[in-house]
Amino acid sequence: MLTQLYRLVMDPSVNPLRALPPMVRFQFMAILSYMWSAIFALWIGHMWLMGPSVIAHTFLLVGVFFTSGIFSLARQESKQVAQTTDVR
């Protein structure tokens, strides 16, 4: 159940932002992560934690979207290879 909830929010092929172009989706995910960082920093009463949290979320999002882009390219390449080998 926790995995499904995680995928609903974080998986770009499942979440409601899936129809957007990748760069726009990345921008919205960054804005949402900063918003939630601020909310949690205010909630625990330590606004000084906001800076490190924003930096950490930025690195996390860049890593997730970079990995997603690499996987997408690999999937396209494997389809092209499969098409060229099926032509025989």
PDB file of N, CA and C in Angstrom:
ATOM      1  N   MET A   1       0.821  -1.181   0.000  1.00  0.00           N
ATOM      2  CA  MET A   1       0.000   0.000   0.000  1.00  0.00           C
ATOM      3  C   MET A   1       0.878   1.263   0.000  1.00  0.00           C
ATOM      4  N   LEU A   2       1.911   1.293   0.791  1.00  0.00           N
ATOM      5  CA  LEU A   2       2.793   2.456   0.844  1.00  0.00           C
ATOM      6  C   LEU A   2       3.497   2.666  -0.495  1.00  0.00           C
ATOM      7  N   THR A   3       3.855   1.580  -1.161  1.00  0.00           N
ATOM      8  CA  THR A   3       4.494   1.675  -2.470  1.00  0.00           C
ATOM      9  C   THR A   3       3.544   2.281  -3.494  1.00  0.00           C
ATOM     10  N   GLN A   4       2.282   1.896  -3.448  1.00  0.00           N
ATOM     11  CA  GLN A   4       1.295   2.445  -4.374  1.00  0.00           C
ATOM     12  C   GLN A   4       1.089   3.937  -4.137  1.00  0.00           C
ATOM     13  N   LEU A   5       1.045   4.350  -2.885  1.00  0.00           N
ATOM     14  CA  LEU A   5       0.895   5.771  -2.571  1.00  0.00           C
ATOM     15  C   LEU A   5       2.120   6.553  -3.031  1.00  0.00           C
ATOM     16  N   TYR A   6       3.293   5.979  -2.837  1.00  0.00           N
ATOM     17  CA  TYR A   6       4.517   6.625  -3.291  1.00  0.00           C
ATOM     18  C   TYR A   6       4.492   6.802  -4.809  1.00  0.00           C
ATOM     19  N   ARG A   7       4.137   5.750  -5.530  1.00  0.00           N
ATOM     20  CA  ARG A   7       4.083   5.818  -6.990  1.00  0.00           C
ATOM     21  C   ARG A   7       3.053   6.827  -7.465  1.00  0.00           C
ATOM     22  N   LEU A   8       1.934   6.929  -6.778  1.00  0.00           N
ATOM     23  CA  LEU A   8       0.882   7.865  -7.158  1.00  0.00           C
ATOM     24  C   LEU A   8       1.392   9.301  -7.144  1.00  0.00           C
ATOM     25  N   VAL A   9       2.307   9.596  -6.228  1.00  0.00           N
ATOM     26  CA  VAL A   9       2.845  10.952  -6.120  1.00  0.00           C
ATOM     27  C   VAL A   9       4.136  11.115  -6.923  1.00  0.00           C
ATOM     28  N   MET A  10       5.057  10.182  -6.828  1.00  0.00           N
ATOM     29  CA  MET A  10       6.410  10.383  -7.351  1.00  0.00           C
ATOM     30  C   MET A  10       6.674   9.799  -8.744  1.00  0.00           C
ATOM     31  N   ASP A  11       5.913   8.819  -9.176  1.00  0.00           N
ATOM     32  CA  ASP A  11       6.161   8.181 -10.470  1.00  0.00           C
ATOM     33  C   ASP A  11       5.566   9.036 -11.591  1.00  0.00           C
ATOM     34  N   PRO A  12       6.398   9.585 -12.471  1.00  0.00           N
ATOM     35  CA  PRO A  12       5.882  10.474 -13.518  1.00  0.00           C
ATOM     36  C   PRO A  12       4.980   9.779 -14.534  1.00  0.00           C
ATOM     37  N   SER A  13       4.999   8.454 -14.605  1.00  0.00           N
ATOM     38  CA  SER A  13       4.103   7.753 -15.526  1.00  0.00           C
ATOM     39  C   SER A  13       2.744   7.469 -14.884  1.00  0.00           C
ATOM     40  N   VAL A  14       2.602   7.736 -13.595  1.00  0.00           N
ATOM     41  CA  VAL A  14       1.360   7.443 -12.877  1.00  0.00           C
ATOM     42  C   VAL A  14       0.689   8.702 -12.336  1.00  0.00           C
ATOM     43  N   ASN A  15       1.473   9.660 -11.863  1.00  0.00           N
ATOM     44  CA  ASN A  15       0.884  10.818 -11.183  1.00  0.00           C
ATOM     45  C   ASN A  15       0.110  11.722 -12.151  1.00  0.00           C
ATOM     46  N   PRO A  16      -0.705  12.626 -11.628  1.00  0.00           N
ATOM     47  CA  PRO A  16      -1.535  13.475 -12.483  1.00  0.00           C
ATOM     48  C   PRO A  16      -0.762  14.400 -13.423  1.00  0.00           C
ATOM     49  N   LEU A  17       0.537  14.559 -13.227  1.00  0.00           N
ATOM     50  CA  LEU A  17       1.343  15.410 -14.096  1.00  0.00           C
ATOM     51  C   LEU A  17       1.864  14.662 -15.322  1.00  0.00           C
ATOM     52  N   ARG A  18       1.480  13.412 -15.488  1.00  0.00           N
ATOM     53  CA  ARG A  18       2.052  12.556 -16.535  1.00  0.00           C
ATOM     54  C   ARG A  18       1.825  13.084 -17.949  1.00  0.00           C
ATOM     55  N   ALA A  19       0.770  13.871 -18.183  1.00  0.00           N
ATOM     56  CA  ALA A  19       0.478  14.362 -19.530  1.00  0.00           C
ATOM     57  C   ALA A  19       1.319  15.580 -19.909  1.00  0.00           C
ATOM     58  N   LEU A  20       2.004  16.167 -18.953  1.00  0.00           N
ATOM     59  CA  LEU A  20       2.809  17.358 -19.221  1.00  0.00           C
ATOM     60  C   LEU A  20       4.154  16.992 -19.837  1.00  0.00           C
ATOM     61  N   PRO A  21       4.755  17.915 -20.584  1.00  0.00           N
ATOM     62  CA  PRO A  21       6.118  17.661 -21.085  1.00  0.00           C
ATOM     63  C   PRO A  21       7.081  17.473 -19.910  1.00  0.00           C
ATOM     64  N   PRO A  22       8.133  16.698 -20.090  1.00  0.00           N
ATOM     65  CA  PRO A  22       9.045  16.383 -18.979  1.00  0.00           C
ATOM     66  C   PRO A  22       9.608  17.607 -18.256  1.00  0.00           C
ATOM     67  N   MET A  23       9.979  18.656 -18.988  1.00  0.00           N
ATOM     68  CA  MET A  23      10.572  19.822 -18.331  1.00  0.00           C
ATOM     69  C   MET A  23       9.534  20.552 -17.475  1.00  0.00           C
ATOM     70  N   VAL A  24       8.317  20.658 -17.962  1.00  0.00           N
ATOM     71  CA  VAL A  24       7.252  21.307 -17.187  1.00  0.00           C
ATOM     72  C   VAL A  24       6.930  20.467 -15.960  1.00  0.00           C
ATOM     73  N   ARG A  25       6.897  19.152 -16.151  1.00  0.00           N
ATOM     74  CA  ARG A  25       6.640  18.239 -15.029  1.00  0.00           C
ATOM     75  C   ARG A  25       7.722  18.395 -13.966  1.00  0.00           C
ATOM     76  N   PHE A  26       8.977  18.500 -14.405  1.00  0.00           N
ATOM     77  CA  PHE A  26      10.091  18.702 -13.466  1.00  0.00           C
ATOM     78  C   PHE A  26       9.912  20.006 -12.695  1.00  0.00           C
ATOM     79  N   GLN A  27       9.530  21.075 -13.392  1.00  0.00           N
ATOM     80  CA  GLN A  27       9.347  22.365 -12.729  1.00  0.00           C
ATOM     81  C   GLN A  27       8.240  22.302 -11.679  1.00  0.00           C
ATOM     82  N   PHE A  28       7.124  21.664 -12.021  1.00  0.00           N
ATOM     83  CA  PHE A  28       6.039  21.538 -11.043  1.00  0.00           C
ATOM     84  C   PHE A  28       6.450  20.680  -9.849  1.00  0.00           C
ATOM     85  N   MET A  29       7.185  19.601 -10.114  1.00  0.00           N
ATOM     86  CA  MET A  29       7.637  18.748  -9.014  1.00  0.00           C
ATOM     87  C   MET A  29       8.607  19.509  -8.110  1.00  0.00           C
ATOM     88  N   ALA A  30       9.458  20.344  -8.696  1.00  0.00           N
ATOM     89  CA  ALA A  30      10.375  21.157  -7.887  1.00  0.00           C
ATOM     90  C   ALA A  30       9.594  22.144  -7.022  1.00  0.00           C
ATOM     91  N   ILE A  31       8.619  22.819  -7.605  1.00  0.00           N
ATOM     92  CA  ILE A  31       7.798  23.771  -6.845  1.00  0.00           C
ATOM     93  C   ILE A  31       7.081  23.063  -5.702  1.00  0.00           C
ATOM     94  N   LEU A  32       6.509  21.897  -5.996  1.00  0.00           N
ATOM     95  CA  LEU A  32       5.812  21.146  -4.941  1.00  0.00           C
ATOM     96  C   LEU A  32       6.768  20.706  -3.840  1.00  0.00           C
ATOM     97  N   SER A  33       7.971  20.281  -4.202  1.00  0.00           N
ATOM     98  CA  SER A  33       8.924  19.844  -3.164  1.00  0.00           C
ATOM     99  C   SER A  33       9.339  21.014  -2.284  1.00  0.00           C
ATOM    100  N   TYR A  34       9.536  22.198  -2.890  1.00  0.00           N
ATOM    101  CA  TYR A  34       9.896  23.370  -2.093  1.00  0.00           C
ATOM    102  C   TYR A  34       8.748  23.767  -1.170  1.00  0.00           C
ATOM    103  N   MET A  35       7.536  23.688  -1.684  1.00  0.00           N
ATOM    104  CA  MET A  35       6.370  24.024  -0.870  1.00  0.00           C
ATOM    105  C   MET A  35       6.283  23.098   0.348  1.00  0.00           C
ATOM    106  N   TRP A  36       6.435  21.790   0.110  1.00  0.00           N
ATOM    107  CA  TRP A  36       6.344  20.840   1.224  1.00  0.00           C
ATOM    108  C   TRP A  36       7.522  20.983   2.178  1.00  0.00           C
ATOM    109  N   SER A  37       8.681  21.353   1.658  1.00  0.00           N
ATOM    110  CA  SER A  37       9.825  21.618   2.538  1.00  0.00           C
ATOM    111  C   SER A  37       9.516  22.773   3.477  1.00  0.00           C
ATOM    112  N   ALA A  38       8.933  23.832   2.931  1.00  0.00           N
ATOM    113  CA  ALA A  38       8.568  24.993   3.758  1.00  0.00           C
ATOM    114  C   ALA A  38       7.503  24.631   4.782  1.00  0.00           C
ATOM    115  N   ILE A  39       6.507  23.867   4.359  1.00  0.00           N
ATOM    116  CA  ILE A  39       5.435  23.468   5.287  1.00  0.00           C
ATOM    117  C   ILE A  39       6.001  22.665   6.449  1.00  0.00           C
ATOM    118  N   PHE A  40       6.852  21.690   6.167  1.00  0.00           N
ATOM    119  CA  PHE A  40       7.412  20.873   7.246  1.00  0.00           C
ATOM    120  C   PHE A  40       8.379  21.665   8.116  1.00  0.00           C
ATOM    121  N   ALA A  41       9.132  22.580   7.499  1.00  0.00           N
ATOM    122  CA  ALA A  41      10.042  23.421   8.295  1.00  0.00           C
ATOM    123  C   ALA A  41       9.246  24.300   9.255  1.00  0.00           C
ATOM    124  N   LEU A  42       8.164  24.883   8.777  1.00  0.00           N
ATOM    125  CA  LEU A  42       7.311  25.702   9.653  1.00  0.00           C
ATOM    126  C   LEU A  42       6.635  24.844  10.712  1.00  0.00           C
ATOM    127  N   TRP A  43       6.217  23.640  10.327  1.00  0.00           N
ATOM    128  CA  TRP A  43       5.504  22.749  11.238  1.00  0.00           C
ATOM    129  C   TRP A  43       6.372  22.373  12.434  1.00  0.00           C
ATOM    130  N   ILE A  44       7.658  22.072  12.156  1.00  0.00           N
ATOM    131  CA  ILE A  44       8.518  21.688  13.272  1.00  0.00           C
ATOM    132  C   ILE A  44       9.166  22.902  13.927  1.00  0.00           C
ATOM    133  N   GLY A  45       8.914  24.101  13.360  1.00  0.00           N
ATOM    134  CA  GLY A  45       9.377  25.323  13.989  1.00  0.00           C
ATOM    135  C   GLY A  45      10.831  25.664  13.753  1.00  0.00           C
ATOM    136  N   HIS A  46      11.398  25.133  12.710  1.00  0.00           N
ATOM    137  CA  HIS A  46      12.805  25.388  12.420  1.00  0.00           C
ATOM    138  C   HIS A  46      12.957  25.861  10.979  1.00  0.00           C
ATOM    139  N   MET A  47      12.699  27.123  10.769  1.00  0.00           N
ATOM    140  CA  MET A  47      12.780  27.663   9.417  1.00  0.00           C
ATOM    141  C   MET A  47      14.207  27.606   8.874  1.00  0.00           C
ATOM    142  N   TRP A  48      15.209  27.557   9.750  1.00  0.00           N
ATOM    143  CA  TRP A  48      16.596  27.468   9.290  1.00  0.00           C
ATOM    144  C   TRP A  48      16.868  26.149   8.567  1.00  0.00           C
ATOM    145  N   LEU A  49      15.979  25.165   8.719  1.00  0.00           N
ATOM    146  CA  LEU A  49      16.128  23.894   8.010  1.00  0.00           C
ATOM    147  C   LEU A  49      15.664  23.979   6.555  1.00  0.00           C
ATOM    148  N   MET A  50      15.012  25.075   6.206  1.00  0.00           N
ATOM    149  CA  MET A  50      14.464  25.223   4.854  1.00  0.00           C
ATOM    150  C   MET A  50      15.558  25.164   3.794  1.00  0.00           C
ATOM    151  N   GLY A  51      16.662  25.868   3.985  1.00  0.00           N
ATOM    152  CA  GLY A  51      17.734  25.895   2.981  1.00  0.00           C
ATOM    153  C   GLY A  51      18.297  24.520   2.663  1.00  0.00           C
ATOM    154  N   PRO A  52      18.747  23.782   3.671  1.00  0.00           N
ATOM    155  CA  PRO A  52      19.262  22.434   3.379  1.00  0.00           C
ATOM    156  C   PRO A  52      18.200  21.513   2.766  1.00  0.00           C
ATOM    157  N   SER A  53      16.961  21.689   3.188  1.00  0.00           N
ATOM    158  CA  SER A  53      15.884  20.858   2.644  1.00  0.00           C
ATOM    159  C   SER A  53      15.659  21.162   1.161  1.00  0.00           C
ATOM    160  N   VAL A  54      15.696  22.436   0.788  1.00  0.00           N
ATOM    161  CA  VAL A  54      15.524  22.818  -0.620  1.00  0.00           C
ATOM    162  C   VAL A  54      16.670  22.252  -1.456  1.00  0.00           C
ATOM    163  N   ILE A  55      17.872  22.356  -0.961  1.00  0.00           N
ATOM    164  CA  ILE A  55      19.024  21.826  -1.694  1.00  0.00           C
ATOM    165  C   ILE A  55      18.903  20.311  -1.854  1.00  0.00           C
ATOM    166  N   ALA A  56      18.529  19.627  -0.787  1.00  0.00           N
ATOM    167  CA  ALA A  56      18.380  18.165  -0.852  1.00  0.00           C
ATOM    168  C   ALA A  56      17.280  17.769  -1.833  1.00  0.00           C
ATOM    169  N   HIS A  57      16.143  18.468  -1.794  1.00  0.00           N
ATOM    170  CA  HIS A  57      15.059  18.148  -2.720  1.00  0.00           C
ATOM    171  C   HIS A  57      15.464  18.428  -4.172  1.00  0.00           C
ATOM    172  N   THR A  58      16.221  19.476  -4.394  1.00  0.00           N
ATOM    173  CA  THR A  58      16.673  19.776  -5.755  1.00  0.00           C
ATOM    174  C   THR A  58      17.552  18.649  -6.279  1.00  0.00           C
ATOM    175  N   PHE A  59      18.516  18.202  -5.476  1.00  0.00           N
ATOM    176  CA  PHE A  59      19.367  17.089  -5.899  1.00  0.00           C
ATOM    177  C   PHE A  59      18.544  15.825  -6.145  1.00  0.00           C
ATOM    178  N   LEU A  60      17.594  15.554  -5.270  1.00  0.00           N
ATOM    179  CA  LEU A  60      16.749  14.368  -5.426  1.00  0.00           C
ATOM    180  C   LEU A  60      15.948  14.431  -6.723  1.00  0.00           C
ATOM    181  N   LEU A  61      15.315  15.564  -6.986  1.00  0.00           N
ATOM    182  CA  LEU A  61      14.508  15.697  -8.199  1.00  0.00           C
ATOM    183  C   LEU A  61      15.351  15.625  -9.464  1.00  0.00           C
ATOM    184  N   VAL A  62      16.500  16.268  -9.457  1.00  0.00           N
ATOM    185  CA  VAL A  62      17.373  16.210 -10.625  1.00  0.00           C
ATOM    186  C   VAL A  62      17.795  14.759 -10.877  1.00  0.00           C
ATOM    187  N   GLY A  63      18.136  14.047  -9.819  1.00  0.00           N
ATOM    188  CA  GLY A  63      18.520  12.642  -9.963  1.00  0.00           C
ATOM    189  C   GLY A  63      17.402  11.772 -10.495  1.00  0.00           C
ATOM    190  N   VAL A  64      16.201  11.964  -9.970  1.00  0.00           N
ATOM    191  CA  VAL A  64      15.048  11.157 -10.408  1.00  0.00           C
ATOM    192  C   VAL A  64      14.728  11.423 -11.877  1.00  0.00           C
ATOM    193  N   PHE A  65      14.687  12.680 -12.271  1.00  0.00           N
ATOM    194  CA  PHE A  65      14.337  12.991 -13.651  1.00  0.00           C
ATOM    195  C   PHE A  65      15.463  12.652 -14.621  1.00  0.00           C
ATOM    196  N   PHE A  66      16.717  12.787 -14.204  1.00  0.00           N
ATOM    197  CA  PHE A  66      17.834  12.367 -15.050  1.00  0.00           C
ATOM    198  C   PHE A  66      17.771  10.857 -15.287  1.00  0.00           C
ATOM    199  N   THR A  67      17.524  10.109 -14.231  1.00  0.00           N
ATOM    200  CA  THR A  67      17.406   8.652 -14.345  1.00  0.00           C
ATOM    201  C   THR A  67      16.230   8.280 -15.239  1.00  0.00           C
ATOM    202  N   SER A  68      15.112   8.948 -15.063  1.00  0.00           N
ATOM    203  CA  SER A  68      13.939   8.688 -15.894  1.00  0.00           C
ATOM    204  C   SER A  68      14.238   8.964 -17.359  1.00  0.00           C
ATOM    205  N   GLY A  69      14.962  10.044 -17.632  1.00  0.00           N
ATOM    206  CA  GLY A  69      15.326  10.359 -19.014  1.00  0.00           C
ATOM    207  C   GLY A  69      16.237   9.310 -19.630  1.00  0.00           C
ATOM    208  N   ILE A  70      17.199   8.844 -18.859  1.00  0.00           N
ATOM    209  CA  ILE A  70      18.110   7.794 -19.345  1.00  0.00           C
ATOM    210  C   ILE A  70      17.332   6.507 -19.624  1.00  0.00           C
ATOM    211  N   PHE A  71      16.420   6.130 -18.719  1.00  0.00           N
ATOM    212  CA  PHE A  71      15.621   4.921 -18.930  1.00  0.00           C
ATOM    213  C   PHE A  71      14.739   5.063 -20.171  1.00  0.00           C
ATOM    214  N   SER A  72      14.197   6.252 -20.391  1.00  0.00           N
ATOM    215  CA  SER A  72      13.357   6.493 -21.556  1.00  0.00           C
ATOM    216  C   SER A  72      14.173   6.360 -22.846  1.00  0.00           C
ATOM    217  N   LEU A  73      15.374   6.932 -22.855  1.00  0.00           N
ATOM    218  CA  LEU A  73      16.249   6.791 -24.026  1.00  0.00           C
ATOM    219  C   LEU A  73      16.621   5.334 -24.273  1.00  0.00           C
ATOM    220  N   ALA A  74      16.904   4.616 -23.216  1.00  0.00           N
ATOM    221  CA  ALA A  74      17.261   3.198 -23.349  1.00  0.00           C
ATOM    222  C   ALA A  74      16.084   2.397 -23.909  1.00  0.00           C
ATOM    223  N   ARG A  75      14.889   2.716 -23.466  1.00  0.00           N
ATOM    224  CA  ARG A  75      13.695   2.020 -23.961  1.00  0.00           C
ATOM    225  C   ARG A  75      13.509   2.287 -25.459  1.00  0.00           C
ATOM    226  N   GLN A  76      13.699   3.540 -25.888  1.00  0.00           N
ATOM    227  CA  GLN A  76      13.577   3.887 -27.307  1.00  0.00           C
ATOM    228  C   GLN A  76      14.634   3.178 -28.138  1.00  0.00           C
ATOM    229  N   GLU A  77      15.870   3.151 -27.635  1.00  0.00           N
ATOM    230  CA  GLU A  77      16.951   2.474 -28.348  1.00  0.00           C
ATOM    231  C   GLU A  77      16.673   0.982 -28.482  1.00  0.00           C
ATOM    232  N   SER A  78      16.168   0.367 -27.425  1.00  0.00           N
ATOM    233  CA  SER A  78      15.908  -1.077 -27.491  1.00  0.00           C
ATOM    234  C   SER A  78      14.781  -1.381 -28.476  1.00  0.00           C
ATOM    235  N   LYS A  79      13.809  -0.480 -28.600  1.00  0.00           N
ATOM    236  CA  LYS A  79      12.745  -0.675 -29.598  1.00  0.00           C
ATOM    237  C   LYS A  79      13.297  -0.574 -31.005  1.00  0.00           C
ATOM    238  N   GLN A  80      14.221   0.373 -31.229  1.00  0.00           N
ATOM    239  CA  GLN A  80      14.819   0.532 -32.547  1.00  0.00           C
ATOM    240  C   GLN A  80      15.668  -0.678 -32.905  1.00  0.00           C
ATOM    241  N   VAL A  81      16.404  -1.189 -31.938  1.00  0.00           N
ATOM    242  CA  VAL A  81      17.228  -2.381 -32.177  1.00  0.00           C
ATOM    243  C   VAL A  81      16.331  -3.562 -32.485  1.00  0.00           C
ATOM    244  N   ALA A  82      15.239  -3.690 -31.752  1.00  0.00           N
ATOM    245  CA  ALA A  82      14.306  -4.811 -31.989  1.00  0.00           C
ATOM    246  C   ALA A  82      13.689  -4.710 -33.382  1.00  0.00           C
ATOM    247  N   GLN A  83      13.377  -3.496 -33.830  1.00  0.00           N
ATOM    248  CA  GLN A  83      12.790  -3.324 -35.164  1.00  0.00           C
ATOM    249  C   GLN A  83      13.791  -3.666 -36.251  1.00  0.00           C
ATOM    250  N   THR A  84      15.044  -3.297 -36.075  1.00  0.00           N
ATOM    251  CA  THR A  84      16.041  -3.575 -37.116  1.00  0.00           C
ATOM    252  C   THR A  84      16.397  -5.056 -37.155  1.00  0.00           C
ATOM    253  N   THR A  85      16.306  -5.756 -36.053  1.00  0.00           N
ATOM    254  CA  THR A  85      16.625  -7.182 -36.071  1.00  0.00           C
ATOM    255  C   THR A  85      15.428  -8.012 -36.526  1.00  0.00           C
ATOM    256  N   ASP A  86      14.217  -7.489 -36.443  1.00  0.00           N
ATOM    257  CA  ASP A  86      13.030  -8.214 -36.898  1.00  0.00           C
ATOM    258  C   ASP A  86      12.815  -8.087 -38.408  1.00  0.00           C
ATOM    259  N   VAL A  87      13.547  -7.236 -39.081  1.00  0.00           N
ATOM    260  CA  VAL A  87      13.356  -6.960 -40.496  1.00  0.00           C
ATOM    261  C   VAL A  87      13.802  -8.149 -41.363  1.00  0.00           C
ATOM    262  N   ARG A  88      14.677  -8.939 -40.899  1.00  0.00           N
ATOM    263  CA  ARG A  88      15.222 -10.077 -41.669  1.00  0.00           C
ATOM    264  C   ARG A  88      14.115 -10.805 -42.282  1.00  0.00           C
TER     265      ARG A  88
END
